[in-house]
């Protein structure tokens, strides 16, 4: 193993962050689903609301932002079944939460069975 590899393995998290400055980074996300919607939670440390992007161009959702020379970007292929008019996003303490409501065709529903 070279000296360069050893020094990178022993870097502190701060040094690793400095090293990524000026690069495009794919932020970590969690995706949740229930009967009514999808919820995407993305970590965007240091990103302010004014430099955050959430764009829906069916079938793709683009999530991104900039902070301290780091550009975060992640794309999701959603397919049809999302109610585009009801997408909402909130950024709080570097955590972006996006709610995507399912269209009526994707929602689970109970069908009443009647006697004939």
PDB file of N, CA and C in Angstrom:
ATOM      1  N   UNK A   1       0.847  -1.166   0.000  1.00  0.00           N
ATOM      2  CA  UNK A   1       0.000   0.000   0.000  1.00  0.00           C
ATOM      3  C   UNK A   1       0.896   1.235   0.000  1.00  0.00           C
ATOM      4  N   UNK A   2       0.588   2.216  -0.806  1.00  0.00           N
ATOM      5  CA  UNK A   2       1.414   3.421  -0.886  1.00  0.00           C
ATOM      6  C   UNK A   2       1.121   4.349   0.283  1.00  0.00           C
ATOM      7  N   UNK A   3       2.032   5.308   0.504  1.00  0.00           N
ATOM      8  CA  UNK A   3       1.840   6.295   1.566  1.00  0.00           C
ATOM      9  C   UNK A   3       0.584   7.114   1.328  1.00  0.00           C
ATOM     10  N   UNK A   4       0.275   7.401   0.076  1.00  0.00           N
ATOM     11  CA  UNK A   4      -0.918   8.181  -0.252  1.00  0.00           C
ATOM     12  C   UNK A   4      -2.170   7.464   0.217  1.00  0.00           C
ATOM     13  N   UNK A   5      -2.254   6.175  -0.028  1.00  0.00           N
ATOM     14  CA  UNK A   5      -3.429   5.421   0.405  1.00  0.00           C
ATOM     15  C   UNK A   5      -3.550   5.376   1.919  1.00  0.00           C
ATOM     16  N   UNK A   6      -2.439   5.235   2.598  1.00  0.00           N
ATOM     17  CA  UNK A   6      -2.464   5.206   4.060  1.00  0.00           C
ATOM     18  C   UNK A   6      -2.950   6.534   4.611  1.00  0.00           C
ATOM     19  N   UNK A   7      -2.446   7.645   4.084  1.00  0.00           N
ATOM     20  CA  UNK A   7      -2.851   8.941   4.615  1.00  0.00           C
ATOM     21  C   UNK A   7      -4.325   9.214   4.356  1.00  0.00           C
ATOM     22  N   UNK A   8      -4.880   8.757   3.225  1.00  0.00           N
ATOM     23  CA  UNK A   8      -6.300   8.964   2.958  1.00  0.00           C
ATOM     24  C   UNK A   8      -7.154   8.150   3.914  1.00  0.00           C
ATOM     25  N   UNK A   9      -6.708   6.963   4.284  1.00  0.00           N
ATOM     26  CA  UNK A   9      -7.478   6.131   5.195  1.00  0.00           C
ATOM     27  C   UNK A   9      -7.523   6.739   6.591  1.00  0.00           C
ATOM     28  N   UNK A  10      -6.529   7.521   6.951  1.00  0.00           N
ATOM     29  CA  UNK A  10      -6.449   8.078   8.293  1.00  0.00           C
ATOM     30  C   UNK A  10      -6.990   9.500   8.373  1.00  0.00           C
ATOM     31  N   UNK A  11      -7.634   9.987   7.313  1.00  0.00           N
ATOM     32  CA  UNK A  11      -8.159  11.348   7.320  1.00  0.00           C
ATOM     33  C   UNK A  11      -9.326  11.479   8.286  1.00  0.00           C
ATOM     34  N   UNK A  12      -9.430  12.669   8.847  1.00  0.00           N
ATOM     35  CA  UNK A  12     -10.590  12.959   9.679  1.00  0.00           C
ATOM     36  C   UNK A  12     -11.759  13.303   8.758  1.00  0.00           C
ATOM     37  N   UNK A  13     -13.001  13.281   9.261  1.00  0.00           N
ATOM     38  CA  UNK A  13     -14.150  13.648   8.428  1.00  0.00           C
ATOM     39  C   UNK A  13     -14.026  15.061   7.857  1.00  0.00           C
ATOM     40  N   UNK A  14     -13.428  16.001   8.623  1.00  0.00           N
ATOM     41  CA  UNK A  14     -13.246  17.370   8.138  1.00  0.00           C
ATOM     42  C   UNK A  14     -12.309  17.383   6.934  1.00  0.00           C
ATOM     43  N   UNK A  15     -11.200  16.642   7.007  1.00  0.00           N
ATOM     44  CA  UNK A  15     -10.271  16.583   5.885  1.00  0.00           C
ATOM     45  C   UNK A  15     -10.926  15.956   4.664  1.00  0.00           C
ATOM     46  N   UNK A  16     -11.721  14.936   4.863  1.00  0.00           N
ATOM     47  CA  UNK A  16     -12.401  14.286   3.746  1.00  0.00           C
ATOM     48  C   UNK A  16     -13.378  15.246   3.093  1.00  0.00           C
ATOM     49  N   UNK A  17     -14.069  16.077   3.902  1.00  0.00           N
ATOM     50  CA  UNK A  17     -15.001  17.064   3.358  1.00  0.00           C
ATOM     51  C   UNK A  17     -14.254  18.112   2.562  1.00  0.00           C
ATOM     52  N   UNK A  18     -13.131  18.595   3.068  1.00  0.00           N
ATOM     53  CA  UNK A  18     -12.332  19.582   2.333  1.00  0.00           C
ATOM     54  C   UNK A  18     -11.869  19.016   0.999  1.00  0.00           C
ATOM     55  N   UNK A  19     -11.505  17.753   0.995  1.00  0.00           N
ATOM     56  CA  UNK A  19     -11.031  17.117  -0.221  1.00  0.00           C
ATOM     57  C   UNK A  19     -12.129  17.077  -1.278  1.00  0.00           C
ATOM     58  N   UNK A  20     -13.397  16.976  -0.867  1.00  0.00           N
ATOM     59  CA  UNK A  20     -14.491  16.896  -1.822  1.00  0.00           C
ATOM     60  C   UNK A  20     -14.961  18.266  -2.296  1.00  0.00           C
ATOM     61  N   UNK A  21     -14.423  19.360  -1.740  1.00  0.00           N
ATOM     62  CA  UNK A  21     -14.831  20.695  -2.145  1.00  0.00           C
ATOM     63  C   UNK A  21     -14.607  20.875  -3.645  1.00  0.00           C
ATOM     64  N   UNK A  22     -15.580  21.489  -4.306  1.00  0.00           N
ATOM     65  CA  UNK A  22     -15.493  21.717  -5.729  1.00  0.00           C
ATOM     66  C   UNK A  22     -15.930  20.529  -6.555  1.00  0.00           C
ATOM     67  N   UNK A  23     -16.449  19.510  -5.946  1.00  0.00           N
ATOM     68  CA  UNK A  23     -16.887  18.307  -6.649  1.00  0.00           C
ATOM     69  C   UNK A  23     -18.400  18.159  -6.583  1.00  0.00           C
ATOM     70  N   UNK A  24     -18.913  17.309  -7.454  1.00  0.00           N
ATOM     71  CA  UNK A  24     -20.328  16.947  -7.411  1.00  0.00           C
ATOM     72  C   UNK A  24     -20.454  15.687  -6.564  1.00  0.00           C
ATOM     73  N   UNK A  25     -21.345  15.738  -5.584  1.00  0.00           N
ATOM     74  CA  UNK A  25     -21.525  14.646  -4.639  1.00  0.00           C
ATOM     75  C   UNK A  25     -22.972  14.173  -4.701  1.00  0.00           C
ATOM     76  N   UNK A  26     -23.176  12.875  -4.679  1.00  0.00           N
ATOM     77  CA  UNK A  26     -24.515  12.309  -4.630  1.00  0.00           C
ATOM     78  C   UNK A  26     -24.918  12.181  -3.164  1.00  0.00           C
ATOM     79  N   UNK A  27     -25.901  12.967  -2.715  1.00  0.00           N
ATOM     80  CA  UNK A  27     -26.243  12.937  -1.287  1.00  0.00           C
ATOM     81  C   UNK A  27     -26.936  11.633  -0.894  1.00  0.00           C
ATOM     82  N   UNK A  28     -26.713  11.190   0.331  1.00  0.00           N
ATOM     83  CA  UNK A  28     -27.426  10.000   0.804  1.00  0.00           C
ATOM     84  C   UNK A  28     -28.910  10.323   0.997  1.00  0.00           C
ATOM     85  N   UNK A  29     -29.770   9.371   0.680  1.00  0.00           N
ATOM     86  CA  UNK A  29     -31.208   9.573   0.822  1.00  0.00           C
ATOM     87  C   UNK A  29     -31.861   8.351   1.455  1.00  0.00           C
ATOM     88  N   UNK A  30     -33.012   8.591   2.053  1.00  0.00           N
ATOM     89  CA  UNK A  30     -33.904   7.529   2.517  1.00  0.00           C
ATOM     90  C   UNK A  30     -35.219   7.737   1.781  1.00  0.00           C
ATOM     91  N   UNK A  31     -35.845   6.661   1.334  1.00  0.00           N
ATOM     92  CA  UNK A  31     -37.111   6.739   0.626  1.00  0.00           C
ATOM     93  C   UNK A  31     -38.129   5.888   1.373  1.00  0.00           C
ATOM     94  N   UNK A  32     -39.271   6.502   1.648  1.00  0.00           N
ATOM     95  CA  UNK A  32     -40.349   5.831   2.374  1.00  0.00           C
ATOM     96  C   UNK A  32     -41.605   5.848   1.503  1.00  0.00           C
ATOM     97  N   UNK A  33     -42.454   4.853   1.685  1.00  0.00           N
ATOM     98  CA  UNK A  33     -43.696   4.783   0.934  1.00  0.00           C
ATOM     99  C   UNK A  33     -44.817   4.326   1.845  1.00  0.00           C
ATOM    100  N   UNK A  34     -45.980   4.974   1.673  1.00  0.00           N
ATOM    101  CA  UNK A  34     -47.188   4.481   2.320  1.00  0.00           C
ATOM    102  C   UNK A  34     -48.295   4.487   1.272  1.00  0.00           C
ATOM    103  N   UNK A  35     -49.527   4.268   1.672  1.00  0.00           N
ATOM    104  CA  UNK A  35     -50.629   4.149   0.721  1.00  0.00           C
ATOM    105  C   UNK A  35     -50.871   5.435  -0.066  1.00  0.00           C
ATOM    106  N   UNK A  36     -50.555   6.577   0.517  1.00  0.00           N
ATOM    107  CA  UNK A  36     -50.880   7.864  -0.102  1.00  0.00           C
ATOM    108  C   UNK A  36     -49.717   8.551  -0.821  1.00  0.00           C
ATOM    109  N   UNK A  37     -48.475   8.334  -0.356  1.00  0.00           N
ATOM    110  CA  UNK A  37     -47.374   9.098  -0.933  1.00  0.00           C
ATOM    111  C   UNK A  37     -46.026   8.415  -0.789  1.00  0.00           C
ATOM    112  N   UNK A  38     -45.046   9.043  -1.421  1.00  0.00           N
ATOM    113  CA  UNK A  38     -43.639   8.694  -1.255  1.00  0.00           C
ATOM    114  C   UNK A  38     -42.994   9.850  -0.508  1.00  0.00           C
ATOM    115  N   UNK A  39     -41.996   9.565   0.291  1.00  0.00           N
ATOM    116  CA  UNK A  39     -41.260  10.585   1.023  1.00  0.00           C
ATOM    117  C   UNK A  39     -39.775  10.345   0.773  1.00  0.00           C
ATOM    118  N   UNK A  40     -39.099  11.360   0.265  1.00  0.00           N
ATOM    119  CA  UNK A  40     -37.652  11.290   0.034  1.00  0.00           C
ATOM    120  C   UNK A  40     -36.989  12.225   1.031  1.00  0.00           C
ATOM    121  N   UNK A  41     -36.038  11.705   1.792  1.00  0.00           N
ATOM    122  CA  UNK A  41     -35.303  12.495   2.783  1.00  0.00           C
ATOM    123  C   UNK A  41     -33.835  12.460   2.379  1.00  0.00           C
ATOM    124  N   UNK A  42     -33.282  13.651   2.043  1.00  0.00           N
ATOM    125  CA  UNK A  42     -31.907  13.749   1.555  1.00  0.00           C
ATOM    126  C   UNK A  42     -31.069  14.600   2.494  1.00  0.00           C
ATOM    127  N   UNK A  43     -29.828  14.177   2.741  1.00  0.00           N
ATOM    128  CA  UNK A  43     -28.893  14.938   3.563  1.00  0.00           C
ATOM    129  C   UNK A  43     -28.133  15.917   2.673  1.00  0.00           C
ATOM    130  N   UNK A  44     -28.322  17.221   2.933  1.00  0.00           N
ATOM    131  CA  UNK A  44     -27.635  18.277   2.191  1.00  0.00           C
ATOM    132  C   UNK A  44     -26.976  19.229   3.189  1.00  0.00           C
ATOM    133  N   UNK A  45     -25.912  18.789   3.861  1.00  0.00           N
ATOM    134  CA  UNK A  45     -25.303  19.610   4.915  1.00  0.00           C
ATOM    135  C   UNK A  45     -24.786  20.946   4.390  1.00  0.00           C
ATOM    136  N   UNK A  46     -25.159  22.010   5.110  1.00  0.00           N
ATOM    137  CA  UNK A  46     -24.690  23.352   4.771  1.00  0.00           C
ATOM    138  C   UNK A  46     -25.444  24.039   3.661  1.00  0.00           C
ATOM    139  N   UNK A  47     -26.368  23.365   3.016  1.00  0.00           N
ATOM    140  CA  UNK A  47     -27.124  23.948   1.906  1.00  0.00           C
ATOM    141  C   UNK A  47     -28.248  24.819   2.463  1.00  0.00           C
ATOM    142  N   UNK A  48     -28.386  26.010   1.891  1.00  0.00           N
ATOM    143  CA  UNK A  48     -29.444  26.937   2.279  1.00  0.00           C
ATOM    144  C   UNK A  48     -30.631  26.772   1.321  1.00  0.00           C
ATOM    145  N   UNK A  49     -31.839  27.125   1.757  1.00  0.00           N
ATOM    146  CA  UNK A  49     -33.011  26.974   0.887  1.00  0.00           C
ATOM    147  C   UNK A  49     -32.861  27.661  -0.478  1.00  0.00           C
ATOM    148  N   UNK A  50     -32.209  28.817  -0.511  1.00  0.00           N
ATOM    149  CA  UNK A  50     -32.047  29.556  -1.764  1.00  0.00           C
ATOM    150  C   UNK A  50     -31.142  28.875  -2.781  1.00  0.00           C
ATOM    151  N   UNK A  51     -30.316  27.948  -2.339  1.00  0.00           N
ATOM    152  CA  UNK A  51     -29.418  27.247  -3.267  1.00  0.00           C
ATOM    153  C   UNK A  51     -29.801  25.775  -3.423  1.00  0.00           C
ATOM    154  N   UNK A  52     -31.054  25.462  -3.095  1.00  0.00           N
ATOM    155  CA  UNK A  52     -31.567  24.103  -3.217  1.00  0.00           C
ATOM    156  C   UNK A  52     -32.436  24.005  -4.465  1.00  0.00           C
ATOM    157  N   UNK A  53     -32.305  22.892  -5.195  1.00  0.00           N
ATOM    158  CA  UNK A  53     -33.110  22.670  -6.397  1.00  0.00           C
ATOM    159  C   UNK A  53     -33.904  21.378  -6.256  1.00  0.00           C
ATOM    160  N   UNK A  54     -35.177  21.473  -6.571  1.00  0.00           N
ATOM    161  CA  UNK A  54     -36.029  20.287  -6.691  1.00  0.00           C
ATOM    162  C   UNK A  54     -36.820  20.517  -7.973  1.00  0.00           C
ATOM    163  N   UNK A  55     -36.553  19.701  -8.984  1.00  0.00           N
ATOM    164  CA  UNK A  55     -37.211  19.859 -10.278  1.00  0.00           C
ATOM    165  C   UNK A  55     -37.829  18.530 -10.692  1.00  0.00           C
ATOM    166  N   UNK A  56     -39.081  18.601 -11.132  1.00  0.00           N
ATOM    167  CA  UNK A  56     -39.767  17.401 -11.615  1.00  0.00           C
ATOM    168  C   UNK A  56     -40.044  17.573 -13.096  1.00  0.00           C
ATOM    169  N   UNK A  57     -39.394  16.756 -13.889  1.00  0.00           N
ATOM    170  CA  UNK A  57     -39.604  16.709 -15.327  1.00  0.00           C
ATOM    171  C   UNK A  57     -39.915  15.251 -15.641  1.00  0.00           C
ATOM    172  N   UNK A  58     -41.218  14.897 -15.615  1.00  0.00           N
ATOM    173  CA  UNK A  58     -41.596  13.486 -15.709  1.00  0.00           C
ATOM    174  C   UNK A  58     -40.830  12.738 -16.794  1.00  0.00           C
ATOM    175  N   UNK A  59     -40.345  11.600 -16.441  1.00  0.00           N
ATOM    176  CA  UNK A  59     -40.525  10.853 -15.187  1.00  0.00           C
ATOM    177  C   UNK A  59     -39.391  11.085 -14.187  1.00  0.00           C
ATOM    178  N   UNK A  60     -38.581  12.139 -14.354  1.00  0.00           N
ATOM    179  CA  UNK A  60     -37.376  12.311 -13.534  1.00  0.00           C
ATOM    180  C   UNK A  60     -37.539  13.416 -12.494  1.00  0.00           C
ATOM    181  N   UNK A  61     -37.035  13.138 -11.290  1.00  0.00           N
ATOM    182  CA  UNK A  61     -36.975  14.127 -10.220  1.00  0.00           C
ATOM    183  C   UNK A  61     -35.509  14.430  -9.977  1.00  0.00           C
ATOM    184  N   UNK A  62     -35.146  15.712 -10.020  1.00  0.00           N
ATOM    185  CA  UNK A  62     -33.774  16.152  -9.766  1.00  0.00           C
ATOM    186  C   UNK A  62     -33.748  16.864  -8.423  1.00  0.00           C
ATOM    187  N   UNK A  63     -32.805  16.477  -7.575  1.00  0.00           N
ATOM    188  CA  UNK A  63     -32.623  17.081  -6.260  1.00  0.00           C
ATOM    189  C   UNK A  63     -31.186  17.564  -6.193  1.00  0.00           C
ATOM    190  N   UNK A  64     -30.973  18.809  -5.767  1.00  0.00           N
ATOM    191  CA  UNK A  64     -29.611  19.300  -5.692  1.00  0.00           C
ATOM    192  C   UNK A  64     -29.481  20.546  -4.853  1.00  0.00           C
ATOM    193  N   UNK A  65     -28.241  20.959  -4.669  1.00  0.00           N
ATOM    194  CA  UNK A  65     -27.940  22.171  -3.924  1.00  0.00           C
ATOM    195  C   UNK A  65     -26.446  22.394  -3.862  1.00  0.00           C
ATOM    196  N   UNK A  66     -26.058  23.604  -3.443  1.00  0.00           N
ATOM    197  CA  UNK A  66     -24.637  23.947  -3.337  1.00  0.00           C
ATOM    198  C   UNK A  66     -24.336  24.507  -1.953  1.00  0.00           C
ATOM    199  N   UNK A  67     -23.149  24.132  -1.449  1.00  0.00           N
ATOM    200  CA  UNK A  67     -22.681  24.638  -0.162  1.00  0.00           C
ATOM    201  C   UNK A  67     -21.179  24.480  -0.078  1.00  0.00           C
ATOM    202  N   UNK A  68     -20.481  25.535   0.264  1.00  0.00           N
ATOM    203  CA  UNK A  68     -19.034  25.485   0.504  1.00  0.00           C
ATOM    204  C   UNK A  68     -18.255  24.790  -0.612  1.00  0.00           C
ATOM    205  N   UNK A  69     -18.597  25.104  -1.861  1.00  0.00           N
ATOM    206  CA  UNK A  69     -17.869  24.535  -2.985  1.00  0.00           C
ATOM    207  C   UNK A  69     -18.251  23.113  -3.339  1.00  0.00           C
ATOM    208  N   UNK A  70     -19.214  22.536  -2.633  1.00  0.00           N
ATOM    209  CA  UNK A  70     -19.678  21.182  -2.929  1.00  0.00           C
ATOM    210  C   UNK A  70     -21.041  21.288  -3.606  1.00  0.00           C
ATOM    211  N   UNK A  71     -21.184  20.597  -4.712  1.00  0.00           N
ATOM    212  CA  UNK A  71     -22.475  20.568  -5.395  1.00  0.00           C
ATOM    213  C   UNK A  71     -23.093  19.187  -5.224  1.00  0.00           C
ATOM    214  N   UNK A  72     -24.273  19.168  -4.612  1.00  0.00           N
ATOM    215  CA  UNK A  72     -24.996  17.923  -4.397  1.00  0.00           C
ATOM    216  C   UNK A  72     -25.991  17.740  -5.539  1.00  0.00           C
ATOM    217  N   UNK A  73     -26.072  16.531  -6.065  1.00  0.00           N
ATOM    218  CA  UNK A  73     -27.057  16.257  -7.101  1.00  0.00           C
ATOM    219  C   UNK A  73     -27.432  14.787  -7.097  1.00  0.00           C
ATOM    220  N   UNK A  74     -28.732  14.540  -7.204  1.00  0.00           N
ATOM    221  CA  UNK A  74     -29.240  13.166  -7.261  1.00  0.00           C
ATOM    222  C   UNK A  74     -30.477  13.165  -8.139  1.00  0.00           C
ATOM    223  N   UNK A  75     -30.605  12.142  -8.969  1.00  0.00           N
ATOM    224  CA  UNK A  75     -31.745  12.016  -9.874  1.00  0.00           C
ATOM    225  C   UNK A  75     -32.497  10.712  -9.578  1.00  0.00           C
ATOM    226  N   UNK A  76     -33.828  10.802  -9.709  1.00  0.00           N
ATOM    227  CA  UNK A  76     -34.686   9.649  -9.461  1.00  0.00           C
ATOM    228  C   UNK A  76     -35.619   9.454 -10.646  1.00  0.00           C
ATOM    229  N   UNK A  77     -35.767   8.231 -11.084  1.00  0.00           N
ATOM    230  CA  UNK A  77     -36.709   7.864 -12.141  1.00  0.00           C
ATOM    231  C   UNK A  77     -37.998   7.444 -11.451  1.00  0.00           C
ATOM    232  N   UNK A  78     -39.057   8.248 -11.600  1.00  0.00           N
ATOM    233  CA  UNK A  78     -40.277   8.005 -10.850  1.00  0.00           C
ATOM    234  C   UNK A  78     -41.357   7.271 -11.630  1.00  0.00           C
ATOM    235  N   UNK A  79     -41.342   7.346 -12.925  1.00  0.00           N
ATOM    236  CA  UNK A  79     -42.410   6.736 -13.704  1.00  0.00           C
ATOM    237  C   UNK A  79     -43.673   7.569 -13.587  1.00  0.00           C
ATOM    238  N   UNK A  80     -44.766   7.048 -14.086  1.00  0.00           N
ATOM    239  CA  UNK A  80     -46.021   7.783 -13.969  1.00  0.00           C
ATOM    240  C   UNK A  80     -46.680   7.392 -12.656  1.00  0.00           C
ATOM    241  N   UNK A  81     -47.640   8.153 -12.246  1.00  0.00           N
ATOM    242  CA  UNK A  81     -48.320   7.829 -11.005  1.00  0.00           C
ATOM    243  C   UNK A  81     -48.053   8.817  -9.889  1.00  0.00           C
ATOM    244  N   UNK A  82     -47.320   9.904 -10.198  1.00  0.00           N
ATOM    245  CA  UNK A  82     -47.067  10.957  -9.212  1.00  0.00           C
ATOM    246  C   UNK A  82     -47.947  12.149  -9.564  1.00  0.00           C
ATOM    247  N   UNK A  83     -48.614  12.718  -8.578  1.00  0.00           N
ATOM    248  CA  UNK A  83     -49.412  13.924  -8.777  1.00  0.00           C
ATOM    249  C   UNK A  83     -48.463  15.118  -8.738  1.00  0.00           C
ATOM    250  N   UNK A  84     -48.025  15.572  -9.918  1.00  0.00           N
ATOM    251  CA  UNK A  84     -46.996  16.618 -10.024  1.00  0.00           C
ATOM    252  C   UNK A  84     -47.392  17.913  -9.320  1.00  0.00           C
ATOM    253  N   UNK A  85     -48.666  18.238  -9.315  1.00  0.00           N
ATOM    254  CA  UNK A  85     -49.122  19.479  -8.692  1.00  0.00           C
ATOM    255  C   UNK A  85     -49.058  19.486  -7.180  1.00  0.00           C
ATOM    256  N   UNK A  86     -48.874  18.343  -6.574  1.00  0.00           N
ATOM    257  CA  UNK A  86     -48.886  18.282  -5.106  1.00  0.00           C
ATOM    258  C   UNK A  86     -47.507  18.021  -4.495  1.00  0.00           C
ATOM    259  N   UNK A  87     -46.444  18.054  -5.298  1.00  0.00           N
ATOM    260  CA  UNK A  87     -45.097  17.827  -4.764  1.00  0.00           C
ATOM    261  C   UNK A  87     -44.725  18.988  -3.855  1.00  0.00           C
ATOM    262  N   UNK A  88     -44.217  18.671  -2.664  1.00  0.00           N
ATOM    263  CA  UNK A  88     -43.772  19.719  -1.744  1.00  0.00           C
ATOM    264  C   UNK A  88     -42.396  19.361  -1.194  1.00  0.00           C
ATOM    265  N   UNK A  89     -41.634  20.404  -0.836  1.00  0.00           N
ATOM    266  CA  UNK A  89     -40.285  20.185  -0.311  1.00  0.00           C
ATOM    267  C   UNK A  89     -40.016  21.158   0.832  1.00  0.00           C
ATOM    268  N   UNK A  90     -39.244  20.669   1.808  1.00  0.00           N
ATOM    269  CA  UNK A  90     -38.888  21.485   2.971  1.00  0.00           C
ATOM    270  C   UNK A  90     -37.447  21.188   3.346  1.00  0.00           C
ATOM    271  N   UNK A  91     -36.659  22.230   3.604  1.00  0.00           N
ATOM    272  CA  UNK A  91     -35.267  22.068   4.031  1.00  0.00           C
ATOM    273  C   UNK A  91     -35.137  22.590   5.454  1.00  0.00           C
ATOM    274  N   UNK A  92     -34.642  21.731   6.343  1.00  0.00           N
ATOM    275  CA  UNK A  92     -34.471  22.133   7.741  1.00  0.00           C
ATOM    276  C   UNK A  92     -33.198  21.498   8.275  1.00  0.00           C
ATOM    277  N   UNK A  93     -32.265  22.328   8.734  1.00  0.00           N
ATOM    278  CA  UNK A  93     -31.007  21.865   9.325  1.00  0.00           C
ATOM    279  C   UNK A  93     -30.247  20.914   8.399  1.00  0.00           C
ATOM    280  N   UNK A  94     -30.230  21.236   7.091  1.00  0.00           N
ATOM    281  CA  UNK A  94     -29.475  20.420   6.141  1.00  0.00           C
ATOM    282  C   UNK A  94     -30.148  19.130   5.714  1.00  0.00           C
ATOM    283  N   UNK A  95     -31.410  18.964   6.082  1.00  0.00           N
ATOM    284  CA  UNK A  95     -32.159  17.769   5.684  1.00  0.00           C
ATOM    285  C   UNK A  95     -33.333  18.212   4.803  1.00  0.00           C
ATOM    286  N   UNK A  96     -33.328  17.741   3.558  1.00  0.00           N
ATOM    287  CA  UNK A  96     -34.378  18.069   2.603  1.00  0.00           C
ATOM    288  C   UNK A  96     -35.408  16.950   2.605  1.00  0.00           C
ATOM    289  N   UNK A  97     -36.669  17.313   2.807  1.00  0.00           N
ATOM    290  CA  UNK A  97     -37.766  16.349   2.810  1.00  0.00           C
ATOM    291  C   UNK A  97     -38.697  16.685   1.651  1.00  0.00           C
ATOM    292  N   UNK A  98     -38.905  15.716   0.768  1.00  0.00           N
ATOM    293  CA  UNK A  98     -39.767  15.906  -0.396  1.00  0.00           C
ATOM    294  C   UNK A  98     -40.927  14.930  -0.300  1.00  0.00           C
ATOM    295  N   UNK A  99     -42.137  15.457  -0.383  1.00  0.00           N
ATOM    296  CA  UNK A  99     -43.326  14.616  -0.355  1.00  0.00           C
ATOM    297  C   UNK A  99     -43.910  14.560  -1.762  1.00  0.00           C
ATOM    298  N   UNK A 100     -44.108  13.346  -2.251  1.00  0.00           N
ATOM    299  CA  UNK A 100     -44.664  13.120  -3.582  1.00  0.00           C
ATOM    300  C   UNK A 100     -45.949  12.320  -3.431  1.00  0.00           C
ATOM    301  N   UNK A 101     -47.069  12.962  -3.649  1.00  0.00           N
ATOM    302  CA  UNK A 101     -48.348  12.255  -3.511  1.00  0.00           C
ATOM    303  C   UNK A 101     -48.581  11.362  -4.725  1.00  0.00           C
ATOM    304  N   UNK A 102     -49.108  10.193  -4.452  1.00  0.00           N
ATOM    305  CA  UNK A 102     -49.440   9.260  -5.526  1.00  0.00           C
ATOM    306  C   UNK A 102     -50.716   9.728  -6.228  1.00  0.00           C
ATOM    307  N   UNK A 103     -50.780   9.511  -7.523  1.00  0.00           N
ATOM    308  CA  UNK A 103     -52.012   9.810  -8.242  1.00  0.00           C
ATOM    309  C   UNK A 103     -53.049   8.763  -7.846  1.00  0.00           C
ATOM    310  N   UNK A 104     -54.306   9.049  -8.127  1.00  0.00           N
ATOM    311  CA  UNK A 104     -55.396   8.152  -7.720  1.00  0.00           C
ATOM    312  C   UNK A 104     -55.211   6.738  -8.256  1.00  0.00           C
ATOM    313  N   UNK A 105     -54.631   6.595  -9.438  1.00  0.00           N
ATOM    314  CA  UNK A 105     -54.472   5.257 -10.020  1.00  0.00           C
ATOM    315  C   UNK A 105     -53.503   4.381  -9.247  1.00  0.00           C
ATOM    316  N   UNK A 106     -52.587   4.962  -8.468  1.00  0.00           N
ATOM    317  CA  UNK A 106     -51.631   4.158  -7.705  1.00  0.00           C
ATOM    318  C   UNK A 106     -52.070   3.888  -6.267  1.00  0.00           C
ATOM    319  N   UNK A 107     -53.040   4.654  -5.803  1.00  0.00           N
ATOM    320  CA  UNK A 107     -53.456   4.503  -4.409  1.00  0.00           C
ATOM    321  C   UNK A 107     -54.251   3.221  -4.201  1.00  0.00           C
ATOM    322  N   UNK A 108     -53.981   2.622  -3.091  1.00  0.00           N
ATOM    323  CA  UNK A 108     -54.711   1.408  -2.712  1.00  0.00           C
ATOM    324  C   UNK A 108     -56.119   1.819  -2.293  1.00  0.00           C
ATOM    325  N   UNK A 109     -57.070   1.021  -2.681  1.00  0.00           N
ATOM    326  CA  UNK A 109     -58.435   1.303  -2.253  1.00  0.00           C
ATOM    327  C   UNK A 109     -59.168  -0.003  -1.996  1.00  0.00           C
ATOM    328  N   UNK A 110     -60.118   0.090  -1.122  1.00  0.00           N
ATOM    329  CA  UNK A 110     -60.929  -1.082  -0.791  1.00  0.00           C
ATOM    330  C   UNK A 110     -62.175  -1.044  -1.667  1.00  0.00           C
ATOM    331  N   UNK A 111     -62.484  -2.183  -2.237  1.00  0.00           N
ATOM    332  CA  UNK A 111     -63.651  -2.283  -3.107  1.00  0.00           C
ATOM    333  C   UNK A 111     -64.753  -3.001  -2.361  1.00  0.00           C
ATOM    334  N   UNK A 112     -65.914  -2.344  -2.314  1.00  0.00           N
ATOM    335  CA  UNK A 112     -67.056  -2.923  -1.624  1.00  0.00           C
ATOM    336  C   UNK A 112     -67.660  -4.026  -2.487  1.00  0.00           C
ATOM    337  N   UNK A 113     -67.959  -5.142  -1.882  1.00  0.00           N
ATOM    338  CA  UNK A 113     -68.599  -6.256  -2.590  1.00  0.00           C
ATOM    339  C   UNK A 113     -70.053  -6.290  -2.162  1.00  0.00           C
ATOM    340  N   UNK A 114     -70.937  -6.193  -3.161  1.00  0.00           N
ATOM    341  CA  UNK A 114     -72.379  -6.194  -2.891  1.00  0.00           C
ATOM    342  C   UNK A 114     -72.986  -7.533  -3.293  1.00  0.00           C
ATOM    343  N   UNK A 115     -74.060  -7.881  -2.642  1.00  0.00           N
ATOM    344  CA  UNK A 115     -74.785  -9.105  -2.986  1.00  0.00           C
ATOM    345  C   UNK A 115     -75.497  -8.892  -4.309  1.00  0.00           C
ATOM    346  N   UNK A 116     -75.535  -9.910  -5.138  1.00  0.00           N
ATOM    347  CA  UNK A 116     -76.188  -9.800  -6.449  1.00  0.00           C
ATOM    348  C   UNK A 116     -77.643 -10.140  -6.381  1.00  0.00           C
TER     349      UNK A 116
END
